[in-house]
C-alpha atoms as a PDB file:
ATOM      1  CA  MET A   1       0.000   0.000   0.000  1.00  0.00           C
ATOM      2  CA  ASN A   2       1.396   3.391  -0.882  1.00  0.00           C
ATOM      3  CA  LYS A   3       1.068   6.414   1.402  1.00  0.00           C
ATOM      4  CA  SER A   4      -2.161   7.646  -0.204  1.00  0.00           C
ATOM      5  CA  ALA A   5      -3.765   4.227   0.155  1.00  0.00           C
ATOM      6  CA  ILE A   6      -2.633   4.013   3.789  1.00  0.00           C
ATOM      7  CA  ILE A   7      -4.165   7.405   4.541  1.00  0.00           C
ATOM      8  CA  ALA A   8      -7.416   6.330   2.901  1.00  0.00           C
ATOM      9  CA  GLN A   9      -7.389   3.108   4.927  1.00  0.00           C
ATOM     10  CA  LEU A  10      -6.750   5.009   8.147  1.00  0.00           C
ATOM     11  CA  ASP A  11      -9.746   7.235   7.420  1.00  0.00           C
ATOM     12  CA  GLN A  12     -11.888   4.217   6.483  1.00  0.00           C
ATOM     13  CA  SER A  13     -10.815   2.328   9.620  1.00  0.00           C
ATOM     14  CA  PHE A  14     -11.522   5.116  12.077  1.00  0.00           C
ATOM     15  CA  ALA A  15     -14.816   6.392  10.578  1.00  0.00           C
ATOM     16  CA  PRO A  16     -16.870   3.386  11.772  1.00  0.00           C
ATOM     17  CA  LEU A  17     -15.346   3.744  15.241  1.00  0.00           C
ATOM     18  CA  PHE A  18     -16.387   7.384  15.429  1.00  0.00           C
ATOM     19  CA  ASP A  19     -19.893   6.611  14.135  1.00  0.00           C
ATOM     20  CA  LEU A  20     -20.372   3.640  16.462  1.00  0.00           C
ATOM     21  CA  VAL A  21     -19.206   5.348  19.638  1.00  0.00           C
ATOM     22  CA  ALA A  22     -20.934   8.664  18.894  1.00  0.00           C
ATOM     23  CA  ALA A  23     -24.279   6.887  18.620  1.00  0.00           C
ATOM     24  CA  LEU A  24     -23.995   5.093  21.964  1.00  0.00           C
ATOM     25  CA  GLU A  25     -26.094   6.050  24.966  1.00  0.00           C
ATOM     26  CA  GLN A  26     -24.649   5.916  28.473  1.00  0.00           C
ATOM     27  CA  GLU A  27     -25.581   2.319  29.292  1.00  0.00           C
ATOM     28  CA  ALA A  28     -24.052   0.910  26.111  1.00  0.00           C
ATOM     29  CA  PHE A  29     -20.977   3.161  26.323  1.00  0.00           C
ATOM     30  CA  GLU A  30     -20.140   2.094  29.880  1.00  0.00           C
ATOM     31  CA  LYS A  31     -21.311  -1.550  29.750  1.00  0.00           C
ATOM     32  CA  GLN A  32     -18.747  -4.226  30.544  1.00  0.00           C
ATOM     33  CA  ILE A  33     -19.571  -7.885  29.964  1.00  0.00           C
ATOM     34  CA  ASN A  34     -17.474 -10.600  31.623  1.00  0.00           C
ATOM     35  CA  ASP A  35     -14.628  -8.196  32.412  1.00  0.00           C
ATOM     36  CA  LYS A  36     -14.358  -7.188  28.748  1.00  0.00           C
ATOM     37  CA  TRP A  37     -13.651  -3.547  28.011  1.00  0.00           C
ATOM     38  CA  SER A  38     -16.580  -1.211  27.566  1.00  0.00           C
ATOM     39  CA  ALA A  39     -16.955   0.848  24.407  1.00  0.00           C
ATOM     40  CA  GLY A  40     -15.476   3.777  26.330  1.00  0.00           C
ATOM     41  CA  GLN A  41     -12.454   1.710  27.342  1.00  0.00           C
ATOM     42  CA  GLN A  42     -12.003   0.493  23.760  1.00  0.00           C
ATOM     43  CA  LEU A  43     -11.999   4.116  22.600  1.00  0.00           C
ATOM     44  CA  LEU A  44      -9.518   5.129  25.302  1.00  0.00           C
ATOM     45  CA  HIS A  45      -7.268   2.208  24.343  1.00  0.00           C
ATOM     46  CA  ILE A  46      -7.295   3.361  20.719  1.00  0.00           C
ATOM     47  CA  TYR A  47      -6.375   6.868  21.887  1.00  0.00           C
ATOM     48  CA  LEU A  48      -3.577   5.590  24.139  1.00  0.00           C
ATOM     49  CA  SER A  49      -2.207   3.579  21.211  1.00  0.00           C
ATOM     50  CA  LEU A  50      -2.577   6.330  18.612  1.00  0.00           C
ATOM     51  CA  LYS A  51      -1.161   9.201  20.681  1.00  0.00           C
ATOM     52  CA  PRO A  52       2.512   8.103  20.803  1.00  0.00           C
ATOM     53  CA  LEU A  53       2.519   7.346  17.067  1.00  0.00           C
ATOM     54  CA  SER A  54       0.900  10.646  16.136  1.00  0.00           C
ATOM     55  CA  ASP A  55       3.058  12.635  18.545  1.00  0.00           C
ATOM     56  CA  GLY A  56       6.235  10.754  17.638  1.00  0.00           C
ATOM     57  CA  LEU A  57       5.859  11.346  13.913  1.00  0.00           C
ATOM     58  CA  GLY A  58       5.512  15.038  14.707  1.00  0.00           C
ATOM     59  CA  TYR A  59       9.123  15.247  15.866  1.00  0.00           C
ATOM     60  CA  PRO A  60      11.809  16.374  13.419  1.00  0.00           C
ATOM     61  CA  LYS A  61      12.858  13.581  11.066  1.00  0.00           C
ATOM     62  CA  MET A  62      16.402  13.642  12.396  1.00  0.00           C
ATOM     63  CA  ALA A  63      15.110  12.797  15.886  1.00  0.00           C
ATOM     64  CA  ILE A  64      12.826  10.052  14.600  1.00  0.00           C
ATOM     65  CA  LYS A  65      15.681   8.483  12.631  1.00  0.00           C
ATOM     66  CA  MET A  66      17.596   8.083  15.886  1.00  0.00           C
ATOM     67  CA  MET A  67      15.334   5.068  16.538  1.00  0.00           C
ATOM     68  CA  GLY A  68      17.187   3.402  13.683  1.00  0.00           C
ATOM     69  CA  THR A  69      16.638   2.412  10.111  1.00  0.00           C
ATOM     70  CA  SER A  70      16.073  -0.866   8.361  1.00  0.00           C
ATOM     71  CA  ASP A  71      16.918  -2.208   4.945  1.00  0.00           C
ATOM     72  CA  LYS A  72      14.911  -5.420   5.424  1.00  0.00           C
ATOM     73  CA  PRO A  73      11.961  -6.128   3.138  1.00  0.00           C
ATOM     74  CA  VAL A  74       8.798  -4.480   4.429  1.00  0.00           C
ATOM     75  CA  LYS A  75       5.954  -6.772   5.409  1.00  0.00           C
ATOM     76  CA  THR A  76       2.684  -6.446   3.548  1.00  0.00           C
ATOM     77  CA  TYR A  77      -0.434  -5.606   5.514  1.00  0.00           C
ATOM     78  CA  ASP A  78      -1.435  -9.283   5.662  1.00  0.00           C
ATOM     79  CA  GLN A  79       2.073 -10.393   6.647  1.00  0.00           C
ATOM     80  CA  LEU A  80       2.215  -7.820   9.433  1.00  0.00           C
ATOM     81  CA  VAL A  81      -1.197  -8.867  10.793  1.00  0.00           C
ATOM     82  CA  THR A  82      -0.204 -12.549  10.719  1.00  0.00           C
ATOM     83  CA  TYR A  83       3.107 -11.754  12.437  1.00  0.00           C
ATOM     84  CA  TYR A  84       1.378  -9.703  15.138  1.00  0.00           C
ATOM     85  CA  GLU A  85      -1.245 -12.375  15.789  1.00  0.00           C
ATOM     86  CA  GLU A  86       1.495 -15.021  16.128  1.00  0.00           C
ATOM     87  CA  ILE A  87       3.370 -12.906  18.674  1.00  0.00           C
ATOM     88  CA  LEU A  88       0.139 -12.202  20.534  1.00  0.00           C
ATOM     89  CA  ARG A  89      -0.615 -15.956  20.718  1.00  0.00           C
ATOM     90  CA  GLU A  90       2.913 -16.674  21.967  1.00  0.00           C
ATOM     91  CA  LYS A  91       3.281 -13.837  24.477  1.00  0.00           C
ATOM     92  CA  GLY A  92      -0.314 -12.919  25.229  1.00  0.00           C
ATOM     93  CA  ALA A  93      -1.591  -9.383  25.686  1.00  0.00           C
ATOM     94  CA  PRO A  94       0.420  -7.378  28.206  1.00  0.00           C
ATOM     95  CA  LYS A  95      -1.419  -7.154  31.524  1.00  0.00           C
ATOM     96  CA  ASP A  96       0.086  -4.049  33.121  1.00  0.00           C
ATOM     97  CA  SER A  97       0.482  -1.863  30.097  1.00  0.00           C
ATOM     98  CA  PRO A  98       0.285   1.903  29.691  1.00  0.00           C
ATOM     99  CA  TYR A  99      -2.216   1.078  26.925  1.00  0.00           C
ATOM    100  CA  THR A 100      -4.654  -0.618  29.316  1.00  0.00           C
ATOM    101  CA  PRO A 101      -7.579   1.757  29.754  1.00  0.00           C
ATOM    102  CA  ASP A 102      -9.224   2.759  33.000  1.00  0.00           C
ATOM    103  CA  PHE A 103     -13.002   2.917  33.184  1.00  0.00           C
ATOM    104  CA  VAL A 104     -14.384   5.731  31.022  1.00  0.00           C
ATOM    105  CA  LYS A 105     -17.495   7.602  32.123  1.00  0.00           C
ATOM    106  CA  PHE A 106     -20.103   8.608  29.590  1.00  0.00           C
ATOM    107  CA  ASP A 107     -19.508  12.313  30.209  1.00  0.00           C
ATOM    108  CA  GLN A 108     -15.987  11.815  28.795  1.00  0.00           C
ATOM    109  CA  LYS A 109     -17.256  10.384  25.501  1.00  0.00           C
ATOM    110  CA  GLN A 110     -17.266  13.510  23.328  1.00  0.00           C
ATOM    111  CA  VAL A 111     -13.960  14.812  24.664  1.00  0.00           C
ATOM    112  CA  LEU A 112     -12.340  11.436  24.033  1.00  0.00           C
ATOM    113  CA  LEU A 113     -13.835  11.167  20.537  1.00  0.00           C
ATOM    114  CA  ASP A 114     -12.479  14.632  19.754  1.00  0.00           C
ATOM    115  CA  LYS A 115      -9.033  13.688  21.072  1.00  0.00           C
ATOM    116  CA  VAL A 116      -8.895  10.544  18.914  1.00  0.00           C
ATOM    117  CA  LYS A 117     -10.035  12.499  15.846  1.00  0.00           C
ATOM    118  CA  HIS A 118      -7.396  15.166  16.527  1.00  0.00           C
ATOM    119  CA  LYS A 119      -4.596  12.596  16.890  1.00  0.00           C
ATOM    120  CA  LEU A 120      -5.684  10.857  13.685  1.00  0.00           C
ATOM    121  CA  ASP A 121      -5.727  14.177  11.818  1.00  0.00           C
ATOM    122  CA  LYS A 122      -2.249  15.030  13.145  1.00  0.00           C
ATOM    123  CA  LEU A 123      -0.936  11.576  12.221  1.00  0.00           C
ATOM    124  CA  ILE A 124      -2.140  12.002   8.652  1.00  0.00           C
ATOM    125  CA  GLU A 125      -0.709  15.520   8.546  1.00  0.00           C
ATOM    126  CA  HIS A 126       2.696  14.272   9.787  1.00  0.00           C
ATOM    127  CA  LEU A 127       2.822  11.631   7.051  1.00  0.00           C
ATOM    128  CA  ASP A 128       3.243  14.391   4.460  1.00  0.00           C
ATOM    129  CA  LYS A 129       6.868  14.887   5.463  1.00  0.00           C
ATOM    130  CA  PHE A 130       7.850  11.251   4.816  1.00  0.00           C
ATOM    131  CA  SER A 131       8.707   9.799   1.429  1.00  0.00           C
ATOM    132  CA  GLU A 132       7.665   6.286   0.465  1.00  0.00           C
ATOM    133  CA  ASP A 133      11.294   5.185   0.992  1.00  0.00           C
ATOM    134  CA  GLU A 134      11.352   6.706   4.486  1.00  0.00           C
ATOM    135  CA  LEU A 135       8.148   4.882   5.410  1.00  0.00           C
ATOM    136  CA  ASP A 136      10.008   1.676   4.530  1.00  0.00           C
ATOM    137  CA  ALA A 137      13.234   2.507   6.365  1.00  0.00           C
ATOM    138  CA  ILE A 138      12.632   4.452   9.590  1.00  0.00           C
ATOM    139  CA  LEU A 139      12.065   2.244  12.617  1.00  0.00           C
ATOM    140  CA  LEU A 140       9.598   2.858  15.423  1.00  0.00           C
ATOM    141  CA  PRO A 141       9.135   0.885  18.647  1.00  0.00           C
ATOM    142  CA  HIS A 142       6.067  -1.302  19.030  1.00  0.00           C
ATOM    143  CA  PRO A 143       5.443  -2.560  22.585  1.00  0.00           C
ATOM    144  CA  LEU A 144       4.806  -6.158  21.552  1.00  0.00           C
ATOM    145  CA  ILE A 145       6.386  -6.594  18.117  1.00  0.00           C
ATOM    146  CA  GLY A 146       9.574  -4.627  18.719  1.00  0.00           C
ATOM    147  CA  LYS A 147      11.006  -2.234  16.145  1.00  0.00           C
ATOM    148  CA  ILE A 148       9.075  -2.004  12.892  1.00  0.00           C
ATOM    149  CA  VAL A 149       9.192   0.520  10.075  1.00  0.00           C
ATOM    150  CA  ILE A 150       6.681   3.356   9.860  1.00  0.00           C
ATOM    151  CA  ARG A 151       4.685   1.679   7.059  1.00  0.00           C
ATOM    152  CA  GLU A 152       4.280  -1.461   9.166  1.00  0.00           C
ATOM    153  CA  MET A 153       3.235   0.628  12.181  1.00  0.00           C
ATOM    154  CA  LEU A 154       0.573   2.254  10.026  1.00  0.00           C
ATOM    155  CA  TYR A 155      -0.607  -1.176   8.875  1.00  0.00           C
ATOM    156  CA  PHE A 156      -0.796  -2.189  12.515  1.00  0.00           C
ATOM    157  CA  THR A 157      -2.797   0.934  13.366  1.00  0.00           C
ATOM    158  CA  ILE A 158      -5.350   0.115  10.666  1.00  0.00           C
ATOM    159  CA  TYR A 159      -5.659  -3.493  11.828  1.00  0.00           C
ATOM    160  CA  HIS A 160      -5.712  -2.581  15.516  1.00  0.00           C
ATOM    161  CA  THR A 161      -8.527  -0.077  15.045  1.00  0.00           C
ATOM    162  CA  GLN A 162     -10.629  -2.559  13.070  1.00  0.00           C
ATOM    163  CA  HIS A 163     -10.003  -5.214  15.721  1.00  0.00           C
ATOM    164  CA  HIS A 164     -11.223  -2.958  18.520  1.00  0.00           C
ATOM    165  CA  ILE A 165     -14.304  -1.898  16.558  1.00  0.00           C
ATOM    166  CA  LYS A 166     -15.148  -5.596  16.273  1.00  0.00           C
ATOM    167  CA  LYS A 167     -14.580  -6.110  20.008  1.00  0.00           C
ATOM    168  CA  THR A 168     -16.740  -3.083  20.818  1.00  0.00           C
ATOM    169  CA  LYS A 169     -19.615  -4.422  18.709  1.00  0.00           C
ATOM    170  CA  GLU A 170     -19.331  -7.864  20.319  1.00  0.00           C
ATOM    171  CA  ASN A 171     -19.719  -6.352  23.788  1.00  0.00           C
ATOM    172  CA  LEU A 172     -22.747  -4.163  23.099  1.00  0.00           C
END
C-alpha cells in the first residue's frame, strides 16, 4: 500500500469507530460484559495507542531516525497482521500496560472522541513529510512486536482499530 492508500485506509478504519461510539447512549458506552472492556475503554485504548505514534511522527525527522533504520523487506499488511497475531498468541496481551484503559465515564465520551479524531488528523498531517522510501526505512518501537518501520506501524494501526471496533460491537 502506498502512502495515499494508507491514509485512505486510516480514514476508512476510524470512521466506523467514530460513528459507532458517537451513537452510543450511556448504558451501552459504559457496559462491561465478563470483564471485557466497555466501548469507552475500547476508545480510550485506541487513543492511548494512537497518541505516541501521532506525537512521535511530529518530531523532526532527524530525531525520529535516531530510533534506527532498516533495509529489510517491508511486510505487507497481511504479513504484518499474521506476524502480530502469532506474537500475541505466543506472548499474550500485556497485563500491566500503559495502553490498558481505565473505566471511562459517559460524560468523557465527546472529549475522548475529539481527542482521537485530533490525533488521527495530526498523524495524517505528519505523514506528508515522509517519502515512500522513508516509510520503509525508519524504525519505530512497538510494545509487543519490537522495532518495525513506519509503514508497518501504520498497517498495525489500521488493523488494531478494526479489531477494537469488532470487540466493541461484540460487547454491546
